[in-house]
Amino acid sequence: TLAPQDWPADATPEIGAETSNAEEYLHAVAARRGVGVLPVSVAAQH
């Protein structure tokens, strides 16, 4: 996915959590450590 350095300097997101797979990513969102954008297929499968 995009890393913070891929964003414009005035719109760099703050990193709430670093994860290595979709399940960790979703657990971090559920734990209120961040938000994100992901494919509809991931939402449907999880």
All heavy atoms as atom14 arrays in JSON, in Angstrom:
{
  "sequence": "TLAPQDWPADATPEIGAETSNAEEYLHAVAARRGVGVLPVSVAAQH",
  "atom14_mask": [
    [1, 1, 1, 1, 1, 1, 1, 0, 0, 0, 0, 0, 0, 0],
    [1, 1, 1, 1, 1, 1, 1, 1, 0, 0, 0, 0, 0, 0],
    [1, 1, 1, 1, 1, 0, 0, 0, 0, 0, 0, 0, 0, 0],
    [1, 1, 1, 1, 1, 1, 1, 0, 0, 0, 0, 0, 0, 0],
    [1, 1, 1, 1, 1, 1, 1, 1, 1, 0, 0, 0, 0, 0],
    [1, 1, 1, 1, 1, 1, 1, 1, 0, 0, 0, 0, 0, 0],
    [1, 1, 1, 1, 1, 1, 1, 1, 1, 1, 1, 1, 1, 1],
    [1, 1, 1, 1, 1, 1, 1, 0, 0, 0, 0, 0, 0, 0],
    [1, 1, 1, 1, 1, 0, 0, 0, 0, 0, 0, 0, 0, 0],
    [1, 1, 1, 1, 1, 1, 1, 1, 0, 0, 0, 0, 0, 0],
    [1, 1, 1, 1, 1, 0, 0, 0, 0, 0, 0, 0, 0, 0],
    [1, 1, 1, 1, 1, 1, 1, 0, 0, 0, 0, 0, 0, 0],
    [1, 1, 1, 1, 1, 1, 1, 0, 0, 0, 0, 0, 0, 0],
    [1, 1, 1, 1, 1, 1, 1, 1, 1, 0, 0, 0, 0, 0],
    [1, 1, 1, 1, 1, 1, 1, 1, 0, 0, 0, 0, 0, 0],
    [1, 1, 1, 1, 0, 0, 0, 0, 0, 0, 0, 0, 0, 0],
    [1, 1, 1, 1, 1, 0, 0, 0, 0, 0, 0, 0, 0, 0],
    [1, 1, 1, 1, 1, 1, 1, 1, 1, 0, 0, 0, 0, 0],
    [1, 1, 1, 1, 1, 1, 1, 0, 0, 0, 0, 0, 0, 0],
    [1, 1, 1, 1, 1, 1, 0, 0, 0, 0, 0, 0, 0, 0],
    [1, 1, 1, 1, 1, 1, 1, 1, 0, 0, 0, 0, 0, 0],
    [1, 1, 1, 1, 1, 0, 0, 0, 0, 0, 0, 0, 0, 0],
    [1, 1, 1, 1, 1, 1, 1, 1, 1, 0, 0, 0, 0, 0],
    [1, 1, 1, 1, 1, 1, 1, 1, 1, 0, 0, 0, 0, 0],
    [1, 1, 1, 1, 1, 1, 1, 1, 1, 1, 1, 1, 0, 0],
    [1, 1, 1, 1, 1, 1, 1, 1, 0, 0, 0, 0, 0, 0],
    [1, 1, 1, 1, 1, 1, 1, 1, 1, 1, 0, 0, 0, 0],
    [1, 1, 1, 1, 1, 0, 0, 0, 0, 0, 0, 0, 0, 0],
    [1, 1, 1, 1, 1, 1, 1, 0, 0, 0, 0, 0, 0, 0],
    [1, 1, 1, 1, 1, 0, 0, 0, 0, 0, 0, 0, 0, 0],
    [1, 1, 1, 1, 1, 0, 0, 0, 0, 0, 0, 0, 0, 0],
    [1, 1, 1, 1, 1, 1, 1, 1, 1, 1, 1, 0, 0, 0],
    [1, 1, 1, 1, 1, 1, 1, 1, 1, 1, 1, 0, 0, 0],
    [1, 1, 1, 1, 0, 0, 0, 0, 0, 0, 0, 0, 0, 0],
    [1, 1, 1, 1, 1, 1, 1, 0, 0, 0, 0, 0, 0, 0],
    [1, 1, 1, 1, 0, 0, 0, 0, 0, 0, 0, 0, 0, 0],
    [1, 1, 1, 1, 1, 1, 1, 0, 0, 0, 0, 0, 0, 0],
    [1, 1, 1, 1, 1, 1, 1, 1, 0, 0, 0, 0, 0, 0],
    [1, 1, 1, 1, 1, 1, 1, 0, 0, 0, 0, 0, 0, 0],
    [1, 1, 1, 1, 1, 1, 1, 0, 0, 0, 0, 0, 0, 0],
    [1, 1, 1, 1, 1, 1, 0, 0, 0, 0, 0, 0, 0, 0],
    [1, 1, 1, 1, 1, 1, 1, 0, 0, 0, 0, 0, 0, 0],
    [1, 1, 1, 1, 1, 0, 0, 0, 0, 0, 0, 0, 0, 0],
    [1, 1, 1, 1, 1, 0, 0, 0, 0, 0, 0, 0, 0, 0],
    [1, 1, 1, 1, 1, 1, 1, 1, 1, 0, 0, 0, 0, 0],
    [1, 1, 1, 1, 1, 1, 1, 1, 1, 1, 0, 0, 0, 0]
  ],
  "atom14_positions": [
    [[0.84, -1.19, 0.0], [0.0, 0.0, 0.0], [0.87, 1.24, 0.0], [2.09, 1.17, 0.0], [-0.92, 0.03, 1.23], [-0.12, 0.13, 2.4], [-1.79, -1.2, 1.31], [0.0, 0.0, 0.0], [0.0, 0.0, 0.0], [0.0, 0.0, 0.0], [0.0, 0.0, 0.0], [0.0, 0.0, 0.0], [0.0, 0.0, 0.0], [0.0, 0.0, 0.0]],
    [[0.24, 2.38, 0.03], [0.98, 3.64, 0.1], [1.66, 3.79, 1.45], [1.1, 3.45, 2.48], [0.04, 4.82, -0.11], [-0.57, 4.95, -1.49], [-1.59, 6.08, -1.51], [0.49, 5.19, -2.54], [0.0, 0.0, 0.0], [0.0, 0.0, 0.0], [0.0, 0.0, 0.0], [0.0, 0.0, 0.0], [0.0, 0.0, 0.0], [0.0, 0.0, 0.0]],
    [[2.84, 4.32, 1.43], [3.57, 4.64, 2.65], [3.49, 6.15, 2.85], [3.19, 6.89, 1.91], [5.03, 4.19, 2.52], [0.0, 0.0, 0.0], [0.0, 0.0, 0.0], [0.0, 0.0, 0.0], [0.0, 0.0, 0.0], [0.0, 0.0, 0.0], [0.0, 0.0, 0.0], [0.0, 0.0, 0.0], [0.0, 0.0, 0.0], [0.0, 0.0, 0.0]],
    [[3.75, 6.65, 4.05], [3.65, 8.09, 4.29], [4.44, 8.94, 3.31], [4.0, 10.0, 2.9], [4.18, 8.24, 5.72], [3.86, 6.94, 6.36], [4.05, 5.91, 5.27], [0.0, 0.0, 0.0], [0.0, 0.0, 0.0], [0.0, 0.0, 0.0], [0.0, 0.0, 0.0], [0.0, 0.0, 0.0], [0.0, 0.0, 0.0], [0.0, 0.0, 0.0]],
    [[5.61, 8.47, 2.86], [6.41, 9.26, 1.92], [5.78, 9.34, 0.53], [6.17, 10.16, -0.29], [7.85, 8.74, 1.83], [7.98, 7.33, 1.32], [7.95, 6.29, 2.41], [7.49, 6.52, 3.52], [8.47, 5.1, 2.11], [0.0, 0.0, 0.0], [0.0, 0.0, 0.0], [0.0, 0.0, 0.0], [0.0, 0.0, 0.0], [0.0, 0.0, 0.0]],
    [[4.76, 8.51, 0.25], [4.06, 8.56, -1.03], [3.0, 9.68, -1.07], [2.48, 9.98, -2.14], [3.37, 7.22, -1.32], [4.37, 6.09, -1.46], [5.45, 6.31, -2.02], [4.05, 4.97, -1.01], [0.0, 0.0, 0.0], [0.0, 0.0, 0.0], [0.0, 0.0, 0.0], [0.0, 0.0, 0.0], [0.0, 0.0, 0.0], [0.0, 0.0, 0.0]],
    [[2.7, 10.27, 0.05], [1.67, 11.31, 0.15], [2.28, 12.69, -0.05], [3.46, 12.89, 0.22], [1.01, 11.25, 1.52], [0.19, 10.02, 1.73], [0.65, 8.75, 1.97], [-1.22, 9.93, 1.7], [-0.4, 7.89, 2.1], [-1.56, 8.58, 1.94], [-2.24, 10.85, 1.49], [-2.88, 8.14, 1.98], [-3.56, 10.4, 1.55], [-3.86, 9.07, 1.78]],
    [[1.49, 13.66, -0.47], [1.99, 15.04, -0.54], [2.44, 15.5, 0.86], [1.86, 15.1, 1.87], [0.78, 15.85, -1.01], [-0.16, 14.86, -1.6], [0.11, 13.55, -0.91], [0.0, 0.0, 0.0], [0.0, 0.0, 0.0], [0.0, 0.0, 0.0], [0.0, 0.0, 0.0], [0.0, 0.0, 0.0], [0.0, 0.0, 0.0], [0.0, 0.0, 0.0]],
    [[3.45, 16.35, 0.91], [4.03, 16.79, 2.19], [2.98, 17.41, 3.11], [3.03, 17.23, 4.33], [5.17, 17.76, 1.95], [0.0, 0.0, 0.0], [0.0, 0.0, 0.0], [0.0, 0.0, 0.0], [0.0, 0.0, 0.0], [0.0, 0.0, 0.0], [0.0, 0.0, 0.0], [0.0, 0.0, 0.0], [0.0, 0.0, 0.0], [0.0, 0.0, 0.0]],
    [[2.0, 18.11, 2.55], [1.0, 18.77, 3.39], [-0.18, 17.85, 3.75], [-1.12, 18.28, 4.39], [0.49, 20.04, 2.71], [-0.19, 19.77, 1.38], [0.01, 18.68, 0.81], [-0.91, 20.66, 0.91], [0.0, 0.0, 0.0], [0.0, 0.0, 0.0], [0.0, 0.0, 0.0], [0.0, 0.0, 0.0], [0.0, 0.0, 0.0], [0.0, 0.0, 0.0]],
    [[-0.11, 16.58, 3.33], [-1.22, 15.66, 3.61], [-0.73, 14.31, 4.11], [-1.44, 13.32, 4.01], [-2.06, 15.48, 2.35], [0.0, 0.0, 0.0], [0.0, 0.0, 0.0], [0.0, 0.0, 0.0], [0.0, 0.0, 0.0], [0.0, 0.0, 0.0], [0.0, 0.0, 0.0], [0.0, 0.0, 0.0], [0.0, 0.0, 0.0], [0.0, 0.0, 0.0]],
    [[0.47, 14.25, 4.66], [1.01, 12.99, 5.15], [0.21, 12.48, 6.34], [0.02, 13.21, 7.32], [2.49, 13.16, 5.57], [3.21, 13.65, 4.45], [3.09, 11.85, 6.03], [0.0, 0.0, 0.0], [0.0, 0.0, 0.0], [0.0, 0.0, 0.0], [0.0, 0.0, 0.0], [0.0, 0.0, 0.0], [0.0, 0.0, 0.0], [0.0, 0.0, 0.0]],
    [[-0.27, 11.26, 6.28], [-1.06, 10.74, 7.4], [-0.18, 10.39, 8.59], [1.0, 10.11, 8.45], [-1.7, 9.49, 6.83], [-0.75, 9.04, 5.78], [-0.15, 10.28, 5.2], [0.0, 0.0, 0.0], [0.0, 0.0, 0.0], [0.0, 0.0, 0.0], [0.0, 0.0, 0.0], [0.0, 0.0, 0.0], [0.0, 0.0, 0.0], [0.0, 0.0, 0.0]],
    [[-0.79, 10.42, 9.75], [-0.11, 9.97, 10.96], [-0.26, 8.45, 11.02], [-1.34, 7.92, 10.76], [-0.75, 10.6, 12.19], [-0.12, 10.16, 13.49], [-0.8, 10.78, 14.7], [-1.36, 11.87, 14.57], [-0.76, 10.15, 15.77], [0.0, 0.0, 0.0], [0.0, 0.0, 0.0], [0.0, 0.0, 0.0], [0.0, 0.0, 0.0], [0.0, 0.0, 0.0]],
    [[0.8, 7.75, 11.38], [0.74, 6.29, 11.46], [0.2, 5.91, 12.83], [0.79, 6.24, 13.85], [2.12, 5.68, 11.23], [2.61, 6.08, 9.87], [2.08, 4.18, 11.45], [3.36, 5.12, 9.07], [0.0, 0.0, 0.0], [0.0, 0.0, 0.0], [0.0, 0.0, 0.0], [0.0, 0.0, 0.0], [0.0, 0.0, 0.0], [0.0, 0.0, 0.0]],
    [[-0.93, 5.21, 12.84], [-1.52, 4.75, 14.1], [-1.02, 3.38, 14.48], [-0.92, 3.05, 15.65], [0.0, 0.0, 0.0], [0.0, 0.0, 0.0], [0.0, 0.0, 0.0], [0.0, 0.0, 0.0], [0.0, 0.0, 0.0], [0.0, 0.0, 0.0], [0.0, 0.0, 0.0], [0.0, 0.0, 0.0], [0.0, 0.0, 0.0], [0.0, 0.0, 0.0]],
    [[-0.72, 2.56, 13.49], [-0.22, 1.21, 13.71], [0.44, 0.72, 12.44], [0.03, 1.11, 11.35], [-1.36, 0.28, 14.11], [0.0, 0.0, 0.0], [0.0, 0.0, 0.0], [0.0, 0.0, 0.0], [0.0, 0.0, 0.0], [0.0, 0.0, 0.0], [0.0, 0.0, 0.0], [0.0, 0.0, 0.0], [0.0, 0.0, 0.0], [0.0, 0.0, 0.0]],
    [[1.43, -0.12, 12.57], [2.04, -0.75, 11.41], [1.69, -2.22, 11.46], [1.81, -2.86, 12.5], [3.55, -0.54, 11.41], [3.92, 0.9, 11.15], [5.37, 1.08, 10.8], [5.96, 0.17, 10.17], [5.91, 2.14, 11.13], [0.0, 0.0, 0.0], [0.0, 0.0, 0.0], [0.0, 0.0, 0.0], [0.0, 0.0, 0.0], [0.0, 0.0, 0.0]],
    [[1.2, -2.73, 10.33], [0.77, -4.12, 10.26], [1.4, -4.79, 9.06], [1.89, -4.13, 8.15], [-0.77, -4.2, 10.16], [-1.18, -3.56, 8.95], [-1.44, -3.53, 11.34], [0.0, 0.0, 0.0], [0.0, 0.0, 0.0], [0.0, 0.0, 0.0], [0.0, 0.0, 0.0], [0.0, 0.0, 0.0], [0.0, 0.0, 0.0], [0.0, 0.0, 0.0]],
    [[1.38, -6.12, 9.05], [1.99, -6.84, 7.93], [0.98, -7.64, 7.12], [1.36, -8.26, 6.13], [3.1, -7.76, 8.44], [2.57, -8.69, 9.36], [0.0, 0.0, 0.0], [0.0, 0.0, 0.0], [0.0, 0.0, 0.0], [0.0, 0.0, 0.0], [0.0, 0.0, 0.0], [0.0, 0.0, 0.0], [0.0, 0.0, 0.0], [0.0, 0.0, 0.0]],
    [[-0.29, -7.64, 7.52], [-1.29, -8.35, 6.73], [-2.67, -7.76, 7.0], [-2.85, -6.93, 7.9], [-1.26, -9.86, 7.01], [-1.54, -10.18, 8.46], [-2.54, -9.77, 9.02], [-0.63, -10.92, 9.09], [0.0, 0.0, 0.0], [0.0, 0.0, 0.0], [0.0, 0.0, 0.0], [0.0, 0.0, 0.0], [0.0, 0.0, 0.0], [0.0, 0.0, 0.0]],
    [[-3.64, -8.17, 6.21], [-4.99, -7.6, 6.3], [-5.64, -7.86, 7.65], [-6.32, -6.99, 8.19], [-5.86, -8.15, 5.18], [0.0, 0.0, 0.0], [0.0, 0.0, 0.0], [0.0, 0.0, 0.0], [0.0, 0.0, 0.0], [0.0, 0.0, 0.0], [0.0, 0.0, 0.0], [0.0, 0.0, 0.0], [0.0, 0.0, 0.0], [0.0, 0.0, 0.0]],
    [[-5.44, -9.04, 8.22], [-6.06, -9.32, 9.52], [-5.53, -8.39, 10.61], [-6.29, -7.87, 11.41], [-5.85, -10.79, 9.91], [-6.81, -11.7, 9.18], [-6.86, -13.08, 9.79], [-6.42, -13.27, 10.95], [-7.35, -13.98, 9.09], [0.0, 0.0, 0.0], [0.0, 0.0, 0.0], [0.0, 0.0, 0.0], [0.0, 0.0, 0.0], [0.0, 0.0, 0.0]],
    [[-4.21, -8.2, 10.66], [-3.63, -7.27, 11.64], [-4.16, -5.86, 11.41], [-4.44, -5.13, 12.36], [-2.1, -7.27, 11.54], [-1.45, -8.52, 12.05], [0.06, -8.49, 11.88], [0.62, -7.43, 11.49], [0.7, -9.52, 12.14], [0.0, 0.0, 0.0], [0.0, 0.0, 0.0], [0.0, 0.0, 0.0], [0.0, 0.0, 0.0], [0.0, 0.0, 0.0]],
    [[-4.27, -5.48, 10.15], [-4.78, -4.16, 9.78], [-6.18, -3.96, 10.35], [-6.47, -2.96, 11.0], [-4.77, -4.09, 8.26], [-5.28, -2.82, 7.63], [-4.4, -1.8, 7.28], [-6.63, -2.65, 7.33], [-4.85, -0.66, 6.65], [-7.08, -1.5, 6.71], [-6.2, -0.51, 6.37], [-6.65, 0.62, 5.76], [0.0, 0.0, 0.0], [0.0, 0.0, 0.0]],
    [[-7.04, -4.95, 10.12], [-8.42, -4.83, 10.6], [-8.51, -4.89, 12.12], [-9.33, -4.2, 12.72], [-9.28, -5.92, 9.95], [-9.43, -5.76, 8.43], [-10.11, -6.98, 7.83], [-10.17, -4.48, 8.08], [0.0, 0.0, 0.0], [0.0, 0.0, 0.0], [0.0, 0.0, 0.0], [0.0, 0.0, 0.0], [0.0, 0.0, 0.0], [0.0, 0.0, 0.0]],
    [[-7.66, -5.69, 12.75], [-7.63, -5.71, 14.22], [-7.23, -4.35, 14.77], [-7.77, -3.89, 15.78], [-6.69, -6.8, 14.75], [-7.22, -8.18, 14.62], [-8.39, -8.61, 15.21], [-6.75, -9.24, 13.93], [-8.61, -9.87, 14.92], [-7.63, -10.28, 14.13], [0.0, 0.0, 0.0], [0.0, 0.0, 0.0], [0.0, 0.0, 0.0], [0.0, 0.0, 0.0]],
    [[-6.28, -3.69, 14.12], [-5.85, -2.36, 14.55], [-6.99, -1.35, 14.4], [-7.2, -0.5, 15.27], [-4.62, -1.92, 13.77], [0.0, 0.0, 0.0], [0.0, 0.0, 0.0], [0.0, 0.0, 0.0], [0.0, 0.0, 0.0], [0.0, 0.0, 0.0], [0.0, 0.0, 0.0], [0.0, 0.0, 0.0], [0.0, 0.0, 0.0], [0.0, 0.0, 0.0]],
    [[-7.73, -1.44, 13.3], [-8.89, -0.55, 13.13], [-9.92, -0.8, 14.22], [-10.42, 0.13, 14.86], [-9.52, -0.72, 11.72], [-10.83, 0.03, 11.62], [-8.55, -0.24, 10.64], [0.0, 0.0, 0.0], [0.0, 0.0, 0.0], [0.0, 0.0, 0.0], [0.0, 0.0, 0.0], [0.0, 0.0, 0.0], [0.0, 0.0, 0.0], [0.0, 0.0, 0.0]],
    [[-10.23, -2.07, 14.45], [-11.21, -2.42, 15.49], [-10.77, -1.95, 16.87], [-11.6, -1.6, 17.71], [-11.47, -3.92, 15.49], [0.0, 0.0, 0.0], [0.0, 0.0, 0.0], [0.0, 0.0, 0.0], [0.0, 0.0, 0.0], [0.0, 0.0, 0.0], [0.0, 0.0, 0.0], [0.0, 0.0, 0.0], [0.0, 0.0, 0.0], [0.0, 0.0, 0.0]],
    [[-9.45, -1.93, 17.09], [-8.9, -1.5, 18.39], [-8.75, 0.02, 18.48], [-8.16, 0.53, 19.42], [-7.56, -2.17, 18.63], [0.0, 0.0, 0.0], [0.0, 0.0, 0.0], [0.0, 0.0, 0.0], [0.0, 0.0, 0.0], [0.0, 0.0, 0.0], [0.0, 0.0, 0.0], [0.0, 0.0, 0.0], [0.0, 0.0, 0.0], [0.0, 0.0, 0.0]],
    [[-9.26, 0.74, 17.47], [-9.24, 2.21, 17.45], [-7.83, 2.78, 17.37], [-7.55, 3.85, 17.87], [-9.99, 2.78, 18.65], [-11.43, 2.35, 18.7], [-12.12, 2.77, 19.95], [-11.59, 4.01, 20.49], [-12.3, 5.0, 20.97], [-13.59, 4.9, 21.0], [-11.72, 6.08, 21.45], [0.0, 0.0, 0.0], [0.0, 0.0, 0.0], [0.0, 0.0, 0.0]],
    [[-6.92, 2.07, 16.7], [-5.56, 2.57, 16.51], [-5.38, 3.21, 15.15], [-4.26, 3.58, 14.79], [-4.55, 1.45, 16.72], [-4.55, 0.94, 18.15], [-3.43, 0.0, 18.4], [-3.3, -0.92, 17.26], [-2.68, -2.08, 17.31], [-2.12, -2.48, 18.41], [-2.61, -2.85, 16.25], [0.0, 0.0, 0.0], [0.0, 0.0, 0.0], [0.0, 0.0, 0.0]],
    [[-6.43, 3.31, 14.37], [-6.32, 3.94, 13.06], [-7.54, 3.67, 12.21], [-8.46, 2.98, 12.62], [0.0, 0.0, 0.0], [0.0, 0.0, 0.0], [0.0, 0.0, 0.0], [0.0, 0.0, 0.0], [0.0, 0.0, 0.0], [0.0, 0.0, 0.0], [0.0, 0.0, 0.0], [0.0, 0.0, 0.0], [0.0, 0.0, 0.0], [0.0, 0.0, 0.0]],
    [[-7.53, 4.26, 11.05], [-8.58, 4.06, 10.04], [-7.86, 3.79, 8.72], [-6.65, 3.96, 8.62], [-9.5, 5.29, 9.91], [-10.2, 5.57, 11.22], [-8.72, 6.51, 9.45], [0.0, 0.0, 0.0], [0.0, 0.0, 0.0], [0.0, 0.0, 0.0], [0.0, 0.0, 0.0], [0.0, 0.0, 0.0], [0.0, 0.0, 0.0], [0.0, 0.0, 0.0]],
    [[-8.58, 3.38, 7.71], [-7.92, 3.13, 6.45], [-8.88, 2.95, 5.31], [-10.1, 2.94, 5.49], [0.0, 0.0, 0.0], [0.0, 0.0, 0.0], [0.0, 0.0, 0.0], [0.0, 0.0, 0.0], [0.0, 0.0, 0.0], [0.0, 0.0, 0.0], [0.0, 0.0, 0.0], [0.0, 0.0, 0.0], [0.0, 0.0, 0.0], [0.0, 0.0, 0.0]],
    [[-8.32, 2.82, 4.14], [-9.06, 2.58, 2.91], [-8.61, 1.24, 2.37], [-7.41, 0.97, 2.3], [-8.79, 3.69, 1.87], [-9.47, 3.4, 0.56], [-9.21, 5.04, 2.43], [0.0, 0.0, 0.0], [0.0, 0.0, 0.0], [0.0, 0.0, 0.0], [0.0, 0.0, 0.0], [0.0, 0.0, 0.0], [0.0, 0.0, 0.0], [0.0, 0.0, 0.0]],
    [[-9.56, 0.38, 2.03], [-9.21, -0.92, 1.51], [-10.22, -1.39, 0.48], [-11.29, -0.81, 0.37], [-9.07, -1.95, 2.62], [-9.98, -1.84, 3.83], [-11.09, -2.83, 3.82], [-9.11, -2.08, 5.02], [0.0, 0.0, 0.0], [0.0, 0.0, 0.0], [0.0, 0.0, 0.0], [0.0, 0.0, 0.0], [0.0, 0.0, 0.0], [0.0, 0.0, 0.0]],
    [[-9.89, -2.41, -0.29], [-10.81, -2.88, -1.33], [-12.12, -3.4, -0.74], [-12.15, -3.93, 0.38], [-10.04, -4.03, -2.0], [-8.63, -3.85, -1.62], [-8.63, -3.15, -0.29], [0.0, 0.0, 0.0], [0.0, 0.0, 0.0], [0.0, 0.0, 0.0], [0.0, 0.0, 0.0], [0.0, 0.0, 0.0], [0.0, 0.0, 0.0], [0.0, 0.0, 0.0]],
    [[-13.17, -3.26, -1.51], [-14.47, -3.76, -1.1], [-14.4, -5.26, -0.81], [-15.04, -5.76, 0.1], [-15.53, -3.47, -2.18], [-16.84, -4.16, -1.9], [-15.73, -1.97, -2.32], [0.0, 0.0, 0.0], [0.0, 0.0, 0.0], [0.0, 0.0, 0.0], [0.0, 0.0, 0.0], [0.0, 0.0, 0.0], [0.0, 0.0, 0.0], [0.0, 0.0, 0.0]],
    [[-13.57, -5.98, -1.57], [-13.46, -7.42, -1.38], [-12.96, -7.78, 0.02], [-13.39, -8.77, 0.61], [-12.53, -8.03, -2.42], [-11.24, -7.47, -2.33], [0.0, 0.0, 0.0], [0.0, 0.0, 0.0], [0.0, 0.0, 0.0], [0.0, 0.0, 0.0], [0.0, 0.0, 0.0], [0.0, 0.0, 0.0], [0.0, 0.0, 0.0], [0.0, 0.0, 0.0]],
    [[-12.08, -6.97, 0.58], [-11.59, -7.22, 1.93], [-12.73, -7.04, 2.93], [-12.92, -7.85, 3.83], [-10.39, -6.32, 2.29], [-10.0, -6.47, 3.76], [-9.21, -6.64, 1.39], [0.0, 0.0, 0.0], [0.0, 0.0, 0.0], [0.0, 0.0, 0.0], [0.0, 0.0, 0.0], [0.0, 0.0, 0.0], [0.0, 0.0, 0.0], [0.0, 0.0, 0.0]],
    [[-13.5, -5.98, 2.76], [-14.64, -5.75, 3.65], [-15.63, -6.9, 3.57], [-16.16, -7.35, 4.59], [-15.33, -4.43, 3.28], [0.0, 0.0, 0.0], [0.0, 0.0, 0.0], [0.0, 0.0, 0.0], [0.0, 0.0, 0.0], [0.0, 0.0, 0.0], [0.0, 0.0, 0.0], [0.0, 0.0, 0.0], [0.0, 0.0, 0.0], [0.0, 0.0, 0.0]],
    [[-15.87, -7.42, 2.37], [-16.81, -8.52, 2.2], [-16.3, -9.81, 2.84], [-17.07, -10.58, 3.39], [-17.08, -8.74, 0.72], [0.0, 0.0, 0.0], [0.0, 0.0, 0.0], [0.0, 0.0, 0.0], [0.0, 0.0, 0.0], [0.0, 0.0, 0.0], [0.0, 0.0, 0.0], [0.0, 0.0, 0.0], [0.0, 0.0, 0.0], [0.0, 0.0, 0.0]],
    [[-15.0, -10.02, 2.79], [-14.42, -11.26, 3.33], [-14.17, -11.21, 4.83], [-13.94, -12.25, 5.45], [-13.1, -11.57, 2.61], [-13.29, -11.93, 1.16], [-11.95, -12.05, 0.44], [-10.89, -11.87, 1.03], [-12.01, -12.35, -0.83], [0.0, 0.0, 0.0], [0.0, 0.0, 0.0], [0.0, 0.0, 0.0], [0.0, 0.0, 0.0], [0.0, 0.0, 0.0]],
    [[-14.17, -10.0, 5.4], [-13.85, -9.85, 6.82], [-14.9, -9.03, 7.55], [-14.59, -7.96, 8.08], [-12.47, -9.2, 6.98], [-11.34, -10.0, 6.42], [-10.73, -11.01, 7.1], [-10.73, -9.94, 5.21], [-9.77, -11.54, 6.35], [-9.77, -10.91, 5.2], [0.0, 0.0, 0.0], [0.0, 0.0, 0.0], [0.0, 0.0, 0.0], [0.0, 0.0, 0.0]]
  ]
}
